[in-house]
N, C-alpha and C. Protein backbone atom coordinates (compact mmCIF):
# COMPACT_ATOMS: atom_id res chain seq x y z
N MET A 1 -10.56 -9.22 8.63
CA MET A 1 -9.77 -9.52 7.26
C MET A 1 -8.71 -10.44 7.22
N ASN A 2 -8.31 -11.06 6.05
CA ASN A 2 -7.66 -12.48 5.95
C ASN A 2 -7.16 -12.11 4.44
N THR A 3 -6.29 -12.53 4.24
CA THR A 3 -5.20 -12.91 2.84
C THR A 3 -6.81 -13.29 2.40
N GLU A 4 -7.34 -14.37 2.16
CA GLU A 4 -7.96 -14.92 0.90
C GLU A 4 -9.32 -13.49 0.31
N ILE A 5 -9.65 -12.84 1.64
CA ILE A 5 -10.98 -11.84 1.13
C ILE A 5 -10.14 -10.74 0.48
N ILE A 6 -8.67 -10.96 0.97
CA ILE A 6 -7.98 -9.71 0.45
C ILE A 6 -7.33 -9.52 -1.46
N LYS A 7 -7.32 -10.95 -1.27
CA LYS A 7 -6.57 -11.16 -3.01
C LYS A 7 -7.97 -11.15 -3.38
N GLU A 8 -9.18 -11.62 -3.16
CA GLU A 8 -10.44 -11.40 -3.91
C GLU A 8 -10.92 -9.91 -4.13
N ILE A 9 -10.70 -9.40 -3.26
CA ILE A 9 -10.97 -7.81 -3.28
C ILE A 9 -10.25 -7.63 -4.63
N LEU A 10 -9.01 -7.76 -4.39
CA LEU A 10 -7.64 -7.24 -5.38
C LEU A 10 -8.15 -8.01 -6.63
N LEU A 11 -8.23 -8.75 -7.14
CA LEU A 11 -8.80 -9.47 -8.45
C LEU A 11 -10.00 -8.90 -8.94
N GLN A 12 -10.65 -8.34 -7.88
CA GLN A 12 -12.03 -7.95 -8.14
C GLN A 12 -11.73 -6.32 -9.46
N ARG A 13 -10.83 -5.79 -8.50
CA ARG A 13 -10.39 -4.46 -8.82
C ARG A 13 -9.05 -4.13 -10.03
N GLY A 14 -9.28 -5.72 -10.25
CA GLY A 14 -8.35 -5.96 -11.80
C GLY A 14 -6.54 -6.15 -11.69
N TYR A 15 -6.13 -6.41 -10.47
CA TYR A 15 -4.97 -7.19 -9.95
C TYR A 15 -4.83 -9.02 -10.62
N ASN A 16 -3.85 -9.32 -11.34
CA ASN A 16 -3.52 -10.83 -11.81
C ASN A 16 -3.63 -11.28 -10.65
N GLU A 17 -3.92 -12.28 -10.85
CA GLU A 17 -3.27 -14.05 -9.77
C GLU A 17 -2.88 -13.65 -9.02
N ARG A 18 -0.81 -13.68 -9.68
CA ARG A 18 0.27 -13.63 -9.11
C ARG A 18 -0.08 -12.36 -8.55
N ASN A 19 0.00 -11.10 -8.43
CA ASN A 19 0.12 -10.11 -7.96
C ASN A 19 -0.71 -9.70 -6.80
N ALA A 20 -2.11 -10.17 -7.11
CA ALA A 20 -2.96 -10.30 -5.91
C ALA A 20 -2.54 -11.08 -4.65
N GLU A 21 -2.31 -12.31 -5.32
CA GLU A 21 -1.10 -13.41 -4.11
C GLU A 21 0.08 -12.99 -3.38
N ILE A 22 0.43 -11.87 -3.80
CA ILE A 22 1.32 -11.40 -3.31
C ILE A 22 1.73 -10.31 -2.74
N ALA A 23 0.81 -9.13 -3.32
CA ALA A 23 0.01 -7.97 -2.24
C ALA A 23 -0.55 -8.57 -1.15
N SER A 24 -1.68 -9.42 -1.15
CA SER A 24 -2.41 -9.67 -0.05
C SER A 24 -1.89 -10.55 0.76
N LYS A 25 -0.82 -11.30 1.14
CA LYS A 25 0.32 -11.87 1.82
C LYS A 25 1.33 -10.34 2.62
N GLU A 26 1.67 -9.37 1.44
CA GLU A 26 2.28 -8.57 2.06
C GLU A 26 1.22 -7.27 3.51
N LEU A 27 0.48 -7.24 2.26
CA LEU A 27 -0.97 -5.94 3.12
C LEU A 27 -1.55 -6.74 4.48
N MET A 28 -1.32 -8.19 5.36
CA MET A 28 -1.87 -8.50 6.11
C MET A 28 -0.52 -8.31 6.88
N ASP A 29 0.59 -7.65 6.66
CA ASP A 29 1.81 -7.61 7.59
C ASP A 29 1.97 -6.28 7.76
N ILE A 30 1.24 -5.31 7.21
CA ILE A 30 1.16 -3.59 7.52
C ILE A 30 1.58 -3.09 8.60
N SER A 31 2.07 -2.03 8.91
CA SER A 31 1.99 -1.52 10.53
C SER A 31 0.48 -1.48 10.82
N GLU A 32 0.19 -1.41 12.07
CA GLU A 32 -1.16 -1.18 12.46
C GLU A 32 -1.58 0.51 12.29
N LYS A 33 -0.92 1.53 12.21
CA LYS A 33 -0.88 2.43 11.55
C LYS A 33 -1.81 2.75 10.38
N LEU A 34 -1.10 1.80 9.87
CA LEU A 34 -2.09 1.83 8.50
C LEU A 34 -3.55 0.91 7.86
N THR A 35 -3.55 0.16 9.32
CA THR A 35 -4.58 -0.95 8.87
C THR A 35 -6.13 -0.36 8.76
N PRO A 36 -6.67 0.86 9.62
CA PRO A 36 -7.75 1.80 9.21
C PRO A 36 -7.26 1.83 7.32
N ILE A 37 -7.06 2.32 6.93
CA ILE A 37 -6.45 3.37 5.83
C ILE A 37 -6.87 1.84 5.25
N LEU A 38 -5.86 0.70 4.72
CA LEU A 38 -6.12 -0.05 3.86
C LEU A 38 -7.42 -0.49 3.96
N GLU A 39 -8.33 -1.17 5.35
CA GLU A 39 -9.64 -1.43 5.74
C GLU A 39 -10.51 -0.80 4.93
N GLU A 40 -10.44 0.60 5.23
CA GLU A 40 -11.82 1.67 4.25
C GLU A 40 -11.29 1.43 2.61
N TRP A 41 -9.97 1.24 2.35
CA TRP A 41 -10.33 1.27 1.00
C TRP A 41 -10.62 -0.30 0.22
N LEU A 42 -10.45 -1.24 1.00
CA LEU A 42 -11.13 -2.61 0.84
C LEU A 42 -12.75 -2.83 0.85
N ASN A 43 -12.72 -2.04 1.86
CA ASN A 43 -14.62 -1.77 2.37
C ASN A 43 -15.60 -1.21 0.87
N ASP A 44 -14.88 0.19 0.72
CA ASP A 44 -15.67 0.55 0.04
C ASP A 44 -14.74 1.62 -1.19
N GLU A 45 -13.63 1.06 -1.73
CA GLU A 45 -12.68 1.88 -2.27
C GLU A 45 -12.23 3.40 -2.12
N ASN A 46 -12.56 3.48 -0.79
CA ASN A 46 -12.18 5.39 -0.36
C ASN A 46 -11.05 5.49 0.22
N CYS A 47 -10.10 6.32 -0.70
CA CYS A 47 -9.16 6.53 -0.61
C CYS A 47 -8.41 7.49 0.12
N GLN A 48 -7.76 7.00 1.44
CA GLN A 48 -7.43 8.17 2.51
C GLN A 48 -5.67 8.85 1.80
N LYS A 49 -5.38 9.63 1.25
CA LYS A 49 -4.40 10.76 0.51
C LYS A 49 -3.96 10.86 0.96
N ASP A 50 -4.02 11.68 1.74
CA ASP A 50 -3.19 12.84 2.50
C ASP A 50 -2.27 12.25 3.49
N TYR A 51 -2.20 10.80 3.99
CA TYR A 51 -1.65 10.13 5.12
C TYR A 51 0.18 10.19 4.62
N SER A 52 0.96 10.90 5.66
CA SER A 52 2.18 10.73 5.11
C SER A 52 3.01 10.39 6.23
N VAL A 53 4.66 10.32 5.63
CA VAL A 53 5.41 9.56 6.40
C VAL A 53 6.65 9.79 6.02
N GLU A 54 7.97 10.17 6.59
CA GLU A 54 9.24 10.67 6.34
C GLU A 54 8.97 12.16 5.10
N GLY A 55 8.18 12.16 4.75
CA GLY A 55 7.98 13.53 4.01
C GLY A 55 7.34 13.20 2.75
N HIS A 56 6.70 11.92 2.77
CA HIS A 56 6.15 11.28 0.95
C HIS A 56 4.74 10.88 1.74
N SER A 57 4.11 11.17 0.77
CA SER A 57 2.11 10.90 1.47
C SER A 57 2.07 9.95 -0.12
N ILE A 58 0.67 9.59 0.45
CA ILE A 58 -0.18 8.38 -0.61
C ILE A 58 -0.34 9.33 -1.77
N GLN A 59 -1.27 10.25 -1.80
CA GLN A 59 -1.25 11.51 -2.62
C GLN A 59 0.21 11.45 -3.85
N GLU A 60 0.89 11.71 -3.21
CA GLU A 60 2.33 11.35 -3.84
C GLU A 60 2.57 10.42 -4.89
N PHE A 61 2.66 8.90 -4.05
CA PHE A 61 2.58 7.61 -4.91
C PHE A 61 0.98 6.96 -6.20
N LEU A 62 0.26 7.75 -5.54
CA LEU A 62 -0.49 8.09 -6.47
C LEU A 62 -0.52 8.66 -7.61
N GLU A 63 0.28 10.09 -7.84
CA GLU A 63 -0.03 10.79 -8.42
C GLU A 63 1.31 9.94 -9.89
N ASP A 64 2.26 9.39 -9.48
CA ASP A 64 3.70 8.78 -9.39
C ASP A 64 2.87 7.33 -10.16
N GLY A 65 1.96 7.09 -10.05
CA GLY A 65 1.42 6.43 -11.21
C GLY A 65 0.97 4.43 -9.94
N MET A 66 1.14 4.96 -8.97
CA MET A 66 1.00 3.39 -8.32
C MET A 66 -0.46 3.27 -8.14
N LYS A 67 -0.76 2.24 -7.85
CA LYS A 67 -2.27 1.47 -7.02
C LYS A 67 -2.46 2.05 -5.54
N TYR A 68 -3.14 2.26 -5.58
CA TYR A 68 -3.53 2.24 -4.11
C TYR A 68 -2.81 1.84 -3.09
N PRO A 69 -3.36 0.45 -3.25
CA PRO A 69 -2.14 -0.54 -2.42
C PRO A 69 -1.16 -0.66 -2.40
N ALA A 70 0.17 -0.57 -3.03
CA ALA A 70 0.95 -0.58 -3.31
C ALA A 70 1.75 0.59 -2.94
N ALA A 71 0.62 1.93 -2.99
CA ALA A 71 0.89 3.42 -2.01
C ALA A 71 0.76 2.81 -0.58
N VAL A 72 -0.23 1.91 -0.19
CA VAL A 72 0.25 1.80 0.97
C VAL A 72 1.07 1.17 1.62
N LEU A 73 2.04 0.36 0.65
CA LEU A 73 2.82 -0.82 1.27
C LEU A 73 3.98 -0.08 1.52
N THR A 74 4.27 0.47 0.44
CA THR A 74 5.49 1.90 0.00
C THR A 74 5.38 2.63 1.63
N MET A 75 4.22 3.32 2.09
CA MET A 75 3.75 3.77 3.48
C MET A 75 4.54 3.15 4.75
N ASP A 76 4.34 1.74 4.36
CA ASP A 76 5.15 0.60 5.36
C ASP A 76 6.02 0.81 5.38
N TRP A 77 6.96 0.27 4.31
CA TRP A 77 8.02 0.78 4.63
C TRP A 77 8.72 1.79 4.69
N LEU A 78 8.37 2.75 4.67
CA LEU A 78 8.53 4.31 5.07
C LEU A 78 8.32 3.70 6.71
N ILE A 79 7.48 3.15 7.18
CA ILE A 79 7.73 2.91 9.08
C ILE A 79 8.49 2.24 9.17
N LYS A 80 8.61 0.97 8.56
CA LYS A 80 9.30 0.46 9.12
C LYS A 80 10.67 0.56 8.82
N ASP A 81 11.94 0.70 7.86
CA ASP A 81 12.67 0.93 7.66
C ASP A 81 12.69 2.00 6.67
N PRO A 82 12.85 3.25 7.24
CA PRO A 82 12.32 4.31 6.43
C PRO A 82 14.36 4.90 6.14
N GLN A 83 15.34 4.46 6.74
CA GLN A 83 16.27 4.52 6.20
C GLN A 83 16.72 3.88 4.60
N VAL A 84 16.30 3.08 4.47
CA VAL A 84 16.57 2.10 3.28
C VAL A 84 15.61 2.64 2.11
N ALA A 85 14.21 2.54 3.02
CA ALA A 85 13.30 3.39 1.68
C ALA A 85 13.39 4.50 1.64
N LEU A 86 13.74 5.94 2.11
CA LEU A 86 13.69 7.08 1.68
C LEU A 86 15.36 6.84 0.87
N LYS A 87 16.63 6.54 0.96
CA LYS A 87 17.71 6.13 -0.21
C LYS A 87 16.92 5.52 -1.28
N SER A 88 16.34 4.94 -1.20
CA SER A 88 15.89 4.09 -2.49
C SER A 88 14.43 5.07 -2.91
N LEU A 89 13.90 6.01 -2.27
CA LEU A 89 12.89 6.80 -3.04
C LEU A 89 13.40 7.48 -3.65
N THR A 90 14.75 8.60 -2.86
CA THR A 90 15.51 9.29 -3.51
C THR A 90 16.08 9.04 -4.94
N LYS A 91 16.20 7.70 -4.75
CA LYS A 91 16.96 6.93 -6.44
C LYS A 91 16.17 7.32 -7.68
N GLY A 92 14.63 6.83 -6.81
CA GLY A 92 13.69 6.57 -8.25
C GLY A 92 13.32 5.52 -8.09
N ASN A 93 13.94 4.48 -7.05
CA ASN A 93 14.22 3.31 -7.04
C ASN A 93 12.71 2.41 -6.85
N ARG A 94 11.54 2.69 -6.93
CA ARG A 94 10.67 2.13 -6.74
C ARG A 94 10.24 0.77 -6.59
């Protein structure tokens, strides 16, 4: 998968041009642990919701109103920079 394909899928699923551009670039750089989850969603919109990191889950973020790609990016943040992410999430600054 490449940035242009991801961007096109995001546009088809309701993202505006600017947000699709930003998100597609960020999604290309996610942790290898999250790549299969993202690819599954990109292929058929199947959402794996039970994936969790540092006590937070994709399901939780979806319930808080995030779109699936944003939830995956938040999980990636928790994997790559858990101290900063946890501090921010605890404050509610997503």
